[in-house]
N, C-alpha and C. Protein backbone atom coordinates (compact mmCIF):
# COMPACT_ATOMS: atom_id res chain seq x y z
N MET A 1 0.97 -0.79 0.19
CA MET A 1 0.09 -0.03 -0.07
C MET A 1 0.67 1.16 -0.23
N THR A 2 0.53 2.31 -0.97
CA THR A 2 1.47 3.18 -0.78
C THR A 2 1.01 4.53 -0.63
N HIS A 3 -0.38 4.89 -0.32
CA HIS A 3 -0.78 6.15 0.34
C HIS A 3 -0.06 6.31 1.78
N SER A 4 0.75 5.31 2.19
CA SER A 4 1.28 6.27 4.09
C SER A 4 2.73 6.18 3.41
N LEU A 5 3.27 6.13 2.05
CA LEU A 5 4.70 6.40 2.00
C LEU A 5 5.09 7.77 2.13
N HIS A 6 4.56 8.53 1.70
CA HIS A 6 4.91 9.89 1.69
C HIS A 6 5.10 10.96 2.56
N ARG A 7 5.26 10.54 3.61
CA ARG A 7 5.13 11.40 4.80
C ARG A 7 6.54 12.12 5.09
N SER A 8 6.25 13.14 4.98
CA SER A 8 7.36 14.18 4.91
C SER A 8 7.76 14.67 6.29
N GLY A 9 8.99 15.25 6.62
CA GLY A 9 9.26 15.62 7.82
C GLY A 9 10.83 14.95 8.18
N SER A 10 11.52 15.74 9.39
CA SER A 10 12.65 15.06 9.97
C SER A 10 12.95 13.85 10.02
N ILE A 11 13.97 13.25 10.22
CA ILE A 11 14.13 11.79 10.35
C ILE A 11 14.09 11.77 11.67
N GLU A 12 13.90 12.59 13.05
CA GLU A 12 13.97 12.49 13.94
C GLU A 12 12.49 12.46 14.26
N SER A 13 11.97 13.35 13.91
CA SER A 13 9.89 13.49 13.88
C SER A 13 9.65 12.12 13.61
N LEU A 14 10.33 11.96 12.53
CA LEU A 14 9.64 10.17 11.65
C LEU A 14 10.00 9.37 12.20
N ARG A 15 10.94 9.06 13.38
CA ARG A 15 11.06 7.83 14.03
C ARG A 15 9.83 7.88 15.24
N GLY A 16 9.01 8.83 15.31
CA GLY A 16 7.71 8.58 16.04
C GLY A 16 6.59 8.60 15.34
N ASP A 17 6.77 7.42 14.00
CA ASP A 17 5.12 7.75 13.27
C ASP A 17 5.63 6.59 12.41
N TYR A 18 4.69 5.68 13.01
CA TYR A 18 4.77 4.07 12.09
C TYR A 18 3.05 3.66 12.07
N VAL A 19 2.78 3.47 10.60
CA VAL A 19 1.71 3.23 10.19
C VAL A 19 1.25 1.67 10.35
N TRP A 20 0.28 1.20 10.56
CA TRP A 20 0.18 -0.11 10.61
C TRP A 20 -1.31 -0.58 9.91
N LEU A 21 -1.55 -1.72 8.72
CA LEU A 21 -2.63 -2.01 7.88
C LEU A 21 -3.01 -3.35 8.18
N MET A 22 -4.06 -3.51 7.96
CA MET A 22 -4.59 -4.94 7.67
C MET A 22 -5.30 -5.03 6.18
N TYR A 23 -4.66 -6.13 5.78
CA TYR A 23 -5.58 -6.18 3.98
C TYR A 23 -5.76 -7.34 3.85
N GLN A 24 -6.86 -7.81 3.20
CA GLN A 24 -7.28 -9.09 2.98
C GLN A 24 -7.32 -8.92 1.28
N ALA A 25 -6.79 -10.27 0.46
CA ALA A 25 -6.55 -9.99 -0.43
C ALA A 25 -8.13 -10.77 -1.24
N LYS A 26 -8.29 -10.19 -2.62
CA LYS A 26 -9.68 -9.96 -2.86
C LYS A 26 -9.79 -11.37 -3.69
N GLY A 27 -10.70 -12.22 -2.95
CA GLY A 27 -11.23 -13.30 -3.64
C GLY A 27 -10.30 -14.44 -3.38
N ILE A 28 -9.38 -14.06 -2.10
CA ILE A 28 -8.17 -15.17 -1.51
C ILE A 28 -9.09 -15.37 0.13
N ASN A 29 -8.82 -14.34 0.67
CA ASN A 29 -9.30 -14.50 1.95
C ASN A 29 -10.32 -12.95 2.27
N ASP A 30 -11.15 -12.57 1.84
CA ASP A 30 -12.06 -11.40 1.78
C ASP A 30 -13.68 -11.72 2.31
N LYS A 31 -13.33 -12.99 2.90
CA LYS A 31 -15.10 -13.24 3.23
C LYS A 31 -15.08 -13.51 5.22
N ASN A 32 -16.18 -12.87 5.22
CA ASN A 32 -15.98 -13.04 6.97
C ASN A 32 -14.85 -13.21 7.68
N ILE A 33 -14.58 -11.70 7.49
CA ILE A 33 -13.35 -11.57 8.20
C ILE A 33 -13.42 -10.57 9.36
N LYS A 34 -14.84 -10.48 9.76
CA LYS A 34 -15.22 -9.19 11.22
C LYS A 34 -14.35 -9.76 12.63
N GLU A 35 -14.46 -11.16 12.66
CA GLU A 35 -13.86 -11.66 13.99
C GLU A 35 -12.65 -11.33 13.92
N LYS A 36 -11.68 -11.91 12.55
CA LYS A 36 -10.20 -11.82 12.63
C LYS A 36 -9.68 -9.97 12.82
N ALA A 37 -10.52 -9.34 12.46
CA ALA A 37 -10.75 -8.22 12.03
C ALA A 37 -10.48 -7.00 13.89
N LYS A 38 -11.39 -7.90 14.49
CA LYS A 38 -11.57 -7.64 15.84
C LYS A 38 -10.40 -8.19 16.57
N GLU A 39 -9.78 -8.84 16.22
CA GLU A 39 -8.60 -9.60 17.06
C GLU A 39 -7.31 -8.70 16.25
N PHE A 40 -7.20 -8.04 15.26
CA PHE A 40 -6.57 -7.19 14.82
C PHE A 40 -6.76 -6.20 15.88
N ILE A 41 -7.62 -5.57 15.93
CA ILE A 41 -8.08 -4.67 16.80
C ILE A 41 -7.84 -4.42 18.17
N ALA A 42 -8.07 -5.38 18.97
CA ALA A 42 -7.84 -5.92 19.92
C ALA A 42 -5.96 -5.98 20.54
N VAL A 43 -5.56 -6.48 19.53
CA VAL A 43 -4.01 -6.19 19.41
C VAL A 43 -3.30 -5.32 19.51
N ALA A 44 -4.04 -4.03 18.52
CA ALA A 44 -3.62 -2.47 18.25
C ALA A 44 -4.15 -1.93 19.43
N GLU A 45 -5.17 -2.10 20.40
CA GLU A 45 -5.44 -1.79 20.90
C GLU A 45 -4.69 -2.20 22.46
N ALA A 46 -4.03 -3.16 22.64
CA ALA A 46 -3.85 -3.42 23.89
C ALA A 46 -1.95 -3.06 23.72
N VAL A 47 -1.43 -2.47 22.58
CA VAL A 47 0.21 -1.99 22.51
C VAL A 47 -0.19 -0.90 22.14
N GLY A 48 -1.71 -0.19 22.12
CA GLY A 48 -1.28 1.40 22.32
C GLY A 48 -1.54 2.10 21.18
N SER A 49 -1.84 1.64 20.41
CA SER A 49 -2.21 1.97 18.98
C SER A 49 -2.68 3.87 19.01
N GLU A 50 -2.19 4.70 18.82
CA GLU A 50 -2.19 6.11 19.20
C GLU A 50 -3.98 6.54 18.32
N ASN A 51 -3.99 6.03 16.92
CA ASN A 51 -5.06 6.27 16.29
C ASN A 51 -5.08 5.00 15.48
N TRP A 52 -6.40 4.77 15.10
CA TRP A 52 -6.70 3.90 14.16
C TRP A 52 -8.02 3.88 14.00
N GLY A 53 -8.62 3.44 12.54
CA GLY A 53 -9.86 3.27 12.20
C GLY A 53 -10.45 2.06 10.81
N ASP A 54 -11.58 1.67 10.20
CA ASP A 54 -12.02 1.36 9.47
C ASP A 54 -12.64 2.75 8.58
N VAL A 55 -12.25 2.48 6.76
CA VAL A 55 -12.35 3.73 6.43
C VAL A 55 -13.97 3.58 6.05
N LYS A 56 -14.53 2.78 6.11
CA LYS A 56 -15.85 2.30 5.51
C LYS A 56 -16.87 3.15 6.59
N SER A 57 -15.71 3.77 8.29
CA SER A 57 -17.10 3.92 9.24
C SER A 57 -16.17 5.56 9.30
N GLY A 58 -15.06 5.16 9.93
CA GLY A 58 -14.13 6.56 10.72
C GLY A 58 -13.16 6.17 11.67
N PRO A 59 -12.31 6.79 11.99
CA PRO A 59 -11.23 6.97 12.63
C PRO A 59 -11.99 6.89 14.02
N LYS A 60 -11.19 6.25 15.46
CA LYS A 60 -11.72 6.04 16.88
C LYS A 60 -11.56 7.77 17.55
N VAL A 61 -10.95 8.49 16.70
CA VAL A 61 -10.82 10.28 17.06
C VAL A 61 -12.24 10.84 16.97
N CYS A 62 -12.77 9.67 16.15
CA CYS A 62 -14.29 10.56 15.74
C CYS A 62 -15.15 9.75 16.28
N LEU A 63 -15.40 8.33 16.35
CA LEU A 63 -16.31 7.53 16.87
C LEU A 63 -16.03 6.24 17.88
N PRO A 64 -16.70 6.04 18.81
CA PRO A 64 -16.50 5.11 19.74
C PRO A 64 -15.74 3.71 19.13
N VAL A 65 -15.14 2.88 19.69
CA VAL A 65 -14.53 1.79 19.32
C VAL A 65 -15.44 0.72 19.03
N GLU A 66 -16.45 1.11 20.04
CA GLU A 66 -17.55 -0.06 19.71
C GLU A 66 -18.33 -0.14 18.23
N GLU A 67 -18.64 1.00 17.90
CA GLU A 67 -19.33 1.50 17.18
C GLU A 67 -18.97 0.95 15.26
N ILE A 68 -17.27 1.09 15.77
CA ILE A 68 -16.33 1.05 14.18
C ILE A 68 -16.45 -0.41 14.32
N LYS A 69 -16.30 -1.02 15.52
CA LYS A 69 -16.34 -2.91 15.84
C LYS A 69 -17.48 -3.31 15.23
N SER A 70 -18.37 -2.43 15.51
CA SER A 70 -19.88 -2.99 14.89
C SER A 70 -20.29 -3.08 13.35
N ASN A 71 -19.39 -2.26 12.84
CA ASN A 71 -19.79 -1.54 11.42
C ASN A 71 -18.67 -2.29 10.25
N ILE A 72 -18.20 -3.48 11.15
CA ILE A 72 -16.77 -4.12 10.15
C ILE A 72 -17.44 -5.06 9.30
N GLY A 73 -17.03 -4.77 8.23
CA GLY A 73 -17.69 -5.77 6.42
C GLY A 73 -16.37 -6.38 5.98
N ASP A 74 -16.72 -7.26 5.24
CA ASP A 74 -15.90 -7.72 4.12
C ASP A 74 -14.81 -6.92 3.17
N LYS A 75 -15.40 -5.01 3.06
CA LYS A 75 -14.60 -4.71 2.50
C LYS A 75 -13.96 -3.61 3.69
N SER A 76 -13.81 -3.56 4.70
CA SER A 76 -13.75 -2.87 5.51
C SER A 76 -11.91 -2.98 5.44
N ARG A 77 -11.14 -1.95 5.98
CA ARG A 77 -9.81 -1.82 5.89
C ARG A 77 -9.40 -1.03 6.97
N LEU A 78 -8.60 -1.90 8.22
CA LEU A 78 -8.48 -1.26 9.16
C LEU A 78 -6.80 -0.52 8.80
N ARG A 79 -6.84 0.55 9.77
CA ARG A 79 -5.33 1.00 9.51
C ARG A 79 -5.19 2.14 10.74
N GLY A 80 -3.99 2.16 10.98
CA GLY A 80 -3.48 2.79 12.11
C GLY A 80 -2.31 3.40 12.69
N VAL A 81 -2.03 4.00 13.66
CA VAL A 81 -0.87 4.32 13.94
C VAL A 81 0.15 3.82 14.60
N PHE A 82 1.45 3.72 15.51
CA PHE A 82 2.31 3.82 16.29
C PHE A 82 3.05 5.10 16.38
N THR A 83 3.66 5.43 17.83
CA THR A 83 4.39 6.44 17.85
C THR A 83 6.27 6.08 18.36
N ARG A 84 6.54 4.79 18.60
CA ARG A 84 7.32 4.01 19.01
C ARG A 84 7.52 2.76 18.28
N LYS A 85 9.03 2.42 17.93
CA LYS A 85 9.22 1.10 17.53
C LYS A 85 8.53 -0.12 18.28
N GLU A 86 8.71 -0.10 19.19
CA GLU A 86 8.79 -1.00 20.32
C GLU A 86 7.22 -1.57 20.26
N GLN A 87 6.42 -0.72 19.90
CA GLN A 87 5.00 -1.02 19.80
C GLN A 87 5.06 -1.67 18.62
N VAL A 88 5.51 -1.13 17.41
CA VAL A 88 5.63 -2.48 16.16
C VAL A 88 6.17 -3.55 16.49
N VAL A 89 7.16 -3.57 17.41
CA VAL A 89 7.32 -4.89 17.45
C VAL A 89 6.60 -6.09 18.64
N GLN A 90 5.71 -5.41 19.23
CA GLN A 90 4.93 -6.51 19.92
C GLN A 90 3.67 -6.76 19.13
N PHE A 91 3.49 -5.62 18.45
CA PHE A 91 2.25 -5.87 17.72
C PHE A 91 2.13 -6.74 16.78
N LEU A 92 3.50 -6.79 16.14
CA LEU A 92 3.98 -7.70 14.52
C LEU A 92 3.98 -9.32 15.91
N ARG A 93 4.87 -9.48 16.68
CA ARG A 93 4.96 -10.60 17.59
C ARG A 93 3.54 -11.12 17.63
N MET A 94 2.65 -10.40 18.24
CA MET A 94 1.20 -10.50 19.05
C MET A 94 0.19 -10.90 17.50
N ILE A 95 0.38 -10.65 16.52
CA ILE A 95 -0.03 -11.01 15.43
C ILE A 95 0.06 -11.91 14.83
N LYS A 96 1.37 -12.18 14.69
CA LYS A 96 1.83 -13.53 14.06
C LYS A 96 1.44 -14.95 14.90
N GLU A 97 1.66 -14.37 15.90
CA GLU A 97 0.89 -15.90 16.94
C GLU A 97 -0.17 -16.17 16.40
N LYS A 98 -1.14 -15.25 16.34
CA LYS A 98 -2.51 -15.39 16.35
C LYS A 98 -2.82 -16.15 14.77
N GLU A 99 -1.88 -15.95 13.82
CA GLU A 99 -1.84 -16.53 12.49
C GLU A 99 -3.72 -16.59 12.09
N LEU A 100 -3.72 -15.24 11.97
CA LEU A 100 -4.86 -15.04 10.97
C LEU A 100 -5.06 -15.10 9.78
N GLY A 101 -4.00 -15.38 9.16
CA GLY A 101 -4.21 -15.14 7.98
C GLY A 101 -4.62 -14.11 6.82
N ILE A 102 -4.05 -12.95 7.35
CA ILE A 102 -4.68 -11.69 6.42
C ILE A 102 -2.90 -10.80 6.52
N SER A 103 -3.13 -10.30 5.54
CA SER A 103 -1.81 -9.26 5.31
C SER A 103 -1.39 -8.21 6.40
N VAL A 104 0.09 -8.21 6.93
CA VAL A 104 0.54 -6.86 7.77
C VAL A 104 1.27 -6.00 6.98
N ILE A 105 0.87 -4.87 6.88
CA ILE A 105 1.62 -3.79 6.21
C ILE A 105 2.15 -3.01 7.46
N ILE A 106 3.45 -2.34 7.44
CA ILE A 106 4.14 -1.30 8.27
C ILE A 106 4.82 -0.49 7.44
N SER A 107 4.38 1.02 7.69
CA SER A 107 4.75 1.65 6.91
C SER A 107 5.69 2.28 7.96
N GLY A 108 6.82 2.86 7.45
CA GLY A 108 7.60 4.06 8.57
C GLY A 108 9.23 4.20 7.69
N LEU A 109 10.25 4.65 8.79
CA LEU A 109 11.52 4.57 8.20
C LEU A 109 11.81 3.32 7.77
N LEU A 110 12.73 3.06 6.63
CA LEU A 110 12.62 1.91 6.20
C LEU A 110 13.70 0.93 7.40
N LYS A 111 14.89 1.59 7.71
CA LYS A 111 15.51 1.09 8.82
C LYS A 111 14.98 0.85 10.08
N GLU A 112 14.07 1.71 10.60
CA GLU A 112 13.42 1.18 11.60
C GLU A 112 12.50 -0.07 11.34
N THR A 113 11.53 0.22 10.20
CA THR A 113 10.65 -0.83 10.37
C THR A 113 10.97 -2.17 9.77
N LEU A 114 12.33 -2.62 9.10
CA LEU A 114 13.41 -3.35 8.93
C LEU A 114 13.76 -4.38 10.55
N GLU A 115 14.01 -3.77 11.16
CA GLU A 115 14.92 -3.91 12.61
C GLU A 115 13.30 -4.24 13.00
N ALA A 116 12.23 -3.32 13.00
CA ALA A 116 11.51 -4.00 13.66
C ALA A 116 10.50 -5.60 13.47
N CYS A 117 10.80 -5.63 12.16
CA CYS A 117 10.67 -6.88 11.72
C CYS A 117 10.93 -8.27 12.24
N LYS A 118 12.67 -7.65 12.04
CA LYS A 118 13.44 -8.62 12.67
C LYS A 118 13.35 -8.97 13.97
N GLU A 119 13.25 -7.98 14.86
CA GLU A 119 12.97 -7.97 15.84
C GLU A 119 11.68 -8.92 16.71
N ALA A 120 10.73 -9.07 15.91
CA ALA A 120 9.72 -9.98 15.88
C ALA A 120 9.39 -11.02 15.27
N GLY A 121 10.75 -11.37 14.71
CA GLY A 121 11.08 -12.84 14.13
C GLY A 121 10.33 -12.61 12.70
N LEU A 122 9.96 -11.87 11.77
CA LEU A 122 9.48 -12.07 10.89
C LEU A 122 10.28 -11.49 9.76
N THR A 123 10.20 -11.80 8.22
CA THR A 123 10.98 -11.44 6.89
C THR A 123 10.21 -10.66 6.55
N SER A 124 10.17 -9.57 6.04
CA SER A 124 8.96 -8.38 4.77
C SER A 124 9.05 -9.12 3.78
N HIS A 125 7.96 -9.54 3.18
CA HIS A 125 7.78 -9.83 1.69
C HIS A 125 8.06 -9.02 1.00
N THR A 126 7.28 -7.90 1.04
CA THR A 126 7.41 -7.04 -0.29
C THR A 126 7.77 -5.63 0.37
N ILE A 127 8.90 -4.69 -0.27
CA ILE A 127 9.09 -3.35 0.24
C ILE A 127 8.84 -2.36 -1.04
N ASN A 128 7.81 -1.43 -0.42
CA ASN A 128 7.69 -0.18 -1.43
C ASN A 128 8.32 1.08 -0.45
N PHE A 129 8.86 2.11 -1.56
CA PHE A 129 9.42 3.43 -0.58
C PHE A 129 9.52 4.57 -1.78
N SER A 130 9.17 6.03 -1.44
CA SER A 130 8.96 6.57 -1.47
C SER A 130 10.41 7.48 -2.40
N LEU A 131 10.04 7.58 -3.63
CA LEU A 131 11.35 8.36 -4.23
C LEU A 131 11.42 9.68 -4.16
N GLY A 132 10.69 10.88 -2.89
CA GLY A 132 10.60 11.75 -2.98
C GLY A 132 9.83 12.33 -3.94
N VAL A 133 9.91 14.03 -3.68
CA VAL A 133 8.69 14.73 -4.80
C VAL A 133 9.41 15.49 -5.94
N TRP A 134 9.13 15.36 -6.74
CA TRP A 134 9.95 15.68 -7.75
C TRP A 134 8.77 16.81 -8.57
N GLY A 135 9.30 17.79 -9.66
CA GLY A 135 8.98 18.63 -10.07
C GLY A 135 8.89 20.48 -9.39
N LYS A 136 7.86 20.95 -9.58
CA LYS A 136 7.82 22.58 -8.85
C LYS A 136 7.69 22.55 -7.68
N LYS A 137 8.92 21.82 -6.76
CA LYS A 137 8.55 21.82 -5.22
C LYS A 137 8.53 23.34 -4.38
N GLU A 138 8.37 24.41 -5.21
CA GLU A 138 8.75 25.32 -4.81
C GLU A 138 7.45 26.24 -4.46
N LEU A 139 6.55 25.73 -5.08
CA LEU A 139 4.79 25.85 -5.38
C LEU A 139 4.06 24.55 -4.18
N LEU A 140 5.35 24.08 -3.13
CA LEU A 140 4.73 23.43 -2.51
C LEU A 140 4.30 24.48 -1.06
N PRO A 141 3.54 24.22 -0.02
CA PRO A 141 3.57 24.73 1.61
C PRO A 141 4.63 24.41 1.98
N SER A 142 4.88 24.45 3.44
CA SER A 142 6.23 24.86 4.40
C SER A 142 6.37 23.65 4.48
N ASP A 143 7.27 23.19 5.03
CA ASP A 143 7.64 22.11 5.49
C ASP A 143 6.93 21.74 6.27
N GLU A 144 6.48 22.52 7.61
CA GLU A 144 6.04 22.23 8.90
C GLU A 144 4.34 22.12 8.29
N ILE A 145 4.11 22.74 7.47
CA ILE A 145 2.47 22.17 7.11
C ILE A 145 2.66 20.43 6.17
N LEU A 146 3.56 20.61 5.10
CA LEU A 146 3.45 19.41 4.37
C LEU A 146 3.71 17.91 5.50
N SER A 147 4.30 18.22 6.47
CA SER A 147 4.77 16.79 7.78
C SER A 147 3.24 16.65 8.40
N MET A 148 2.63 17.70 8.44
CA MET A 148 1.29 17.18 8.49
C MET A 148 0.20 16.68 7.70
N THR A 149 0.11 17.72 6.57
CA THR A 149 -0.84 16.93 5.52
C THR A 149 -1.07 15.90 4.65
N THR A 150 1.01 15.61 4.87
CA THR A 150 1.35 14.04 4.22
C THR A 150 0.93 12.76 5.04
N MET A 151 0.35 13.20 6.77
CA MET A 151 -0.34 12.27 7.43
C MET A 151 -1.38 11.74 7.05
N CYS A 152 -2.13 12.40 6.28
CA CYS A 152 -2.84 11.59 5.49
C CYS A 152 -3.08 11.26 4.07
N GLY A 153 -2.64 9.98 3.77
CA GLY A 153 -2.43 9.87 2.55
C GLY A 153 -3.23 10.12 1.48
N HIS A 154 -4.50 10.56 1.79
CA HIS A 154 -5.55 10.67 0.45
C HIS A 154 -5.77 11.99 0.55
N HIS A 155 -4.72 12.85 1.50
CA HIS A 155 -4.45 14.52 0.99
C HIS A 155 -6.15 14.97 1.80
N MET A 156 -6.78 14.66 2.75
CA MET A 156 -7.93 15.15 3.37
C MET A 156 -7.96 16.45 4.06
N ILE A 157 -6.30 16.32 4.72
CA ILE A 157 -6.44 17.56 5.30
C ILE A 157 -6.06 18.76 4.55
N PRO A 158 -6.46 19.81 4.56
CA PRO A 158 -6.03 20.77 3.95
C PRO A 158 -5.10 21.89 4.23
N SER A 159 -4.34 22.34 3.80
CA SER A 159 -3.67 23.30 4.24
C SER A 159 -3.33 24.40 5.04
N GLY A 160 -4.53 25.07 4.09
CA GLY A 160 -5.24 25.91 5.32
C GLY A 160 -5.73 25.78 6.58
N MET A 161 -6.08 24.78 7.01
CA MET A 161 -6.81 23.96 8.05
C MET A 161 -5.74 24.12 8.98
N VAL A 162 -4.40 23.37 8.38
CA VAL A 162 -2.82 23.00 9.24
C VAL A 162 -2.54 24.63 9.58
N LYS A 163 -2.58 25.62 8.94
CA LYS A 163 -2.22 27.11 9.17
C LYS A 163 -2.93 27.70 10.29
N GLU A 164 -4.28 27.60 10.23
CA GLU A 164 -5.53 27.98 10.82
C GLU A 164 -4.61 27.13 12.66
N MET A 165 -4.56 26.27 12.79
CA MET A 165 -3.90 25.70 13.55
C MET A 165 -2.61 26.29 14.22
N MET A 166 -1.96 26.31 13.45
CA MET A 166 -0.47 26.97 13.85
C MET A 166 -0.78 28.38 14.30
N GLU A 167 -1.98 29.00 13.77
CA GLU A 167 -2.08 30.41 13.75
C GLU A 167 -2.73 30.44 15.29
N GLN A 168 -3.76 29.58 15.72
CA GLN A 168 -4.45 29.42 16.98
C GLN A 168 -3.16 28.88 18.05
N VAL A 169 -2.45 28.02 17.92
CA VAL A 169 -1.55 27.58 18.92
C VAL A 169 -0.96 28.82 18.93
N GLU A 170 -0.68 29.56 18.07
CA GLU A 170 0.99 30.91 18.18
C GLU A 170 0.12 31.74 19.24
N ALA A 171 -1.42 31.89 19.00
CA ALA A 171 -2.05 32.96 19.62
C ALA A 171 -2.69 32.32 21.12
N GLY A 172 -1.71 31.23 21.42
CA GLY A 172 -2.38 30.72 22.27
C GLY A 172 -3.82 30.20 22.76
N LYS A 173 -4.92 30.30 21.54
CA LYS A 173 -6.27 29.75 21.45
C LYS A 173 -6.24 28.38 21.77
N ILE A 174 -5.34 27.66 21.36
CA ILE A 174 -5.52 26.02 21.37
C ILE A 174 -4.80 25.34 21.68
N SER A 175 -4.72 24.35 22.84
CA SER A 175 -3.19 23.79 23.10
C SER A 175 -2.69 22.90 21.79
N PRO A 176 -1.13 22.66 21.59
CA PRO A 176 -0.80 21.76 20.50
C PRO A 176 -1.49 20.45 20.42
N GLU A 177 -2.00 19.82 21.79
CA GLU A 177 -2.50 18.66 21.66
C GLU A 177 -3.97 18.50 21.13
N GLU A 178 -4.83 19.62 21.44
CA GLU A 178 -6.39 19.88 20.71
C GLU A 178 -5.94 20.33 19.29
N ALA A 179 -5.00 21.27 18.91
CA ALA A 179 -4.79 21.36 17.51
C ALA A 179 -4.39 19.93 16.64
N GLY A 180 -4.19 19.23 17.30
CA GLY A 180 -3.33 17.83 16.85
C GLY A 180 -4.56 16.97 16.80
N LEU A 181 -5.16 16.89 17.66
CA LEU A 181 -6.64 15.75 17.57
C LEU A 181 -7.56 16.82 16.25
N LYS A 182 -7.90 17.58 16.28
CA LYS A 182 -8.57 18.50 15.30
C LYS A 182 -8.34 18.17 13.79
N LEU A 183 -6.90 18.04 13.48
CA LEU A 183 -7.03 17.53 12.42
C LEU A 183 -7.02 15.95 12.20
N ALA A 184 -6.77 15.19 13.19
CA ALA A 184 -6.81 13.94 13.20
C ALA A 184 -8.01 13.52 12.73
N GLN A 185 -9.28 13.94 13.08
CA GLN A 185 -10.51 14.32 12.57
C GLN A 185 -11.12 14.08 11.31
N PHE A 186 -9.98 15.10 10.33
CA PHE A 186 -10.33 15.02 9.19
C PHE A 186 -9.63 13.63 8.19
N CYS A 187 -8.91 12.60 8.75
CA CYS A 187 -8.50 11.52 7.95
C CYS A 187 -9.26 10.43 8.19
N PRO A 188 -10.50 9.84 7.55
CA PRO A 188 -11.11 8.67 7.75
C PRO A 188 -10.26 7.82 7.78
N CYS A 189 -9.13 7.36 7.20
CA CYS A 189 -8.53 6.10 7.84
C CYS A 189 -8.24 5.89 8.91
N GLY A 190 -7.30 6.63 9.83
CA GLY A 190 -6.87 6.53 10.88
C GLY A 190 -5.58 6.50 10.80
N ILE A 191 -4.95 6.96 10.15
CA ILE A 191 -3.21 6.67 9.84
C ILE A 191 -3.07 8.16 10.32
N PHE A 192 -3.78 8.93 10.62
CA PHE A 192 -2.97 10.58 10.88
C PHE A 192 -2.49 10.27 12.30
N ASN A 193 -1.14 10.76 12.99
CA ASN A 193 -0.62 10.75 13.69
C ASN A 193 -0.83 11.64 14.89
N GLN A 194 -2.12 12.17 15.49
CA GLN A 194 -2.26 13.35 16.15
C GLN A 194 -1.07 13.54 17.42
N VAL A 195 -0.34 12.62 17.81
CA VAL A 195 0.87 12.77 18.84
C VAL A 195 2.09 13.35 17.91
N ARG A 196 2.23 13.35 16.79
CA ARG A 196 3.39 13.68 15.92
C ARG A 196 3.05 15.00 15.76
N ALA A 197 1.60 15.28 15.21
CA ALA A 197 1.10 16.20 15.06
C ALA A 197 1.63 17.85 16.17
N SER A 198 1.28 17.16 17.60
CA SER A 198 0.90 17.82 18.33
C SER A 198 2.52 18.34 18.97
N LYS A 199 3.25 17.51 18.28
CA LYS A 199 4.81 17.71 18.92
C LYS A 199 5.43 18.93 17.86
N ILE A 200 5.18 18.56 16.58
CA ILE A 200 5.15 19.66 15.77
C ILE A 200 4.27 21.17 16.11
N LEU A 201 3.32 20.99 16.37
CA LEU A 201 2.71 22.55 16.32
C LEU A 201 2.96 23.03 17.68
N ALA A 202 3.66 22.10 18.93
CA ALA A 202 4.40 22.70 20.22
C ALA A 202 5.61 24.06 19.39
N ALA A 203 6.38 24.01 18.62
CA ALA A 203 7.14 24.83 18.17
C ALA A 203 6.97 25.88 17.74
N PHE A 204 5.05 25.91 17.48
CA PHE A 204 4.26 27.40 17.87
C PHE A 204 4.15 28.08 18.78
N LEU A 205 4.20 27.22 19.90
CA LEU A 205 3.86 27.93 21.01
C LEU A 205 4.17 29.39 21.33
N PRO A 206 3.27 30.43 22.07
CA PRO A 206 3.69 31.74 22.13
C PRO A 206 4.72 31.40 23.20
N THR A 207 6.05 32.37 22.96
CA THR A 207 6.97 32.53 23.66
C THR A 207 6.80 33.41 25.03
N LYS A 208 7.04 32.72 25.83
CA LYS A 208 6.75 33.95 27.27
C LYS A 208 8.03 34.71 27.10
N ALA A 209 7.79 35.88 28.30
CA ALA A 209 8.62 36.92 28.02
C ALA A 209 9.39 36.58 29.00
């Protein structure tokens, strides 16, 4: 899955950003997946996935977890985020033990994700990676804005909204945590990392005299 590969920002910032995805293969294991999907959710919650959701319903930052579970169907796609490599390792180990027969995708810095797979006793099947941005990059928003808009792979978070959150944080009208959560609610997949966003937004806090 490539829509989670183009997250931008500093290496240090990206070390706190890992996407996980559960994907069934059409015509192979895409029937009666609800119970297996619930097991994925149970593991993600146990490990502490900061955000996750089903694109057919929405993310847990917008809906109660039980409502998302009840709406799971064969076309559901579960996706979420972690903020620490240790979470990824634990998640992969637990999913491996369950042998659910559904593909797991981890997206993040290549070195970090490969290390996580190795520590979990897994060998990656396929690797995709972004070659970066090409073209008239001077037309793009600032690096700070891109570091947040690219956390929604379907680009559902407008640059103007990010700029507004930055301005509100700078004016002391909203906390970085509240601003990050507001932005997360625009991403229906559940792969927006509001924890990372709040850390980026914290740079705009008003300085005390």
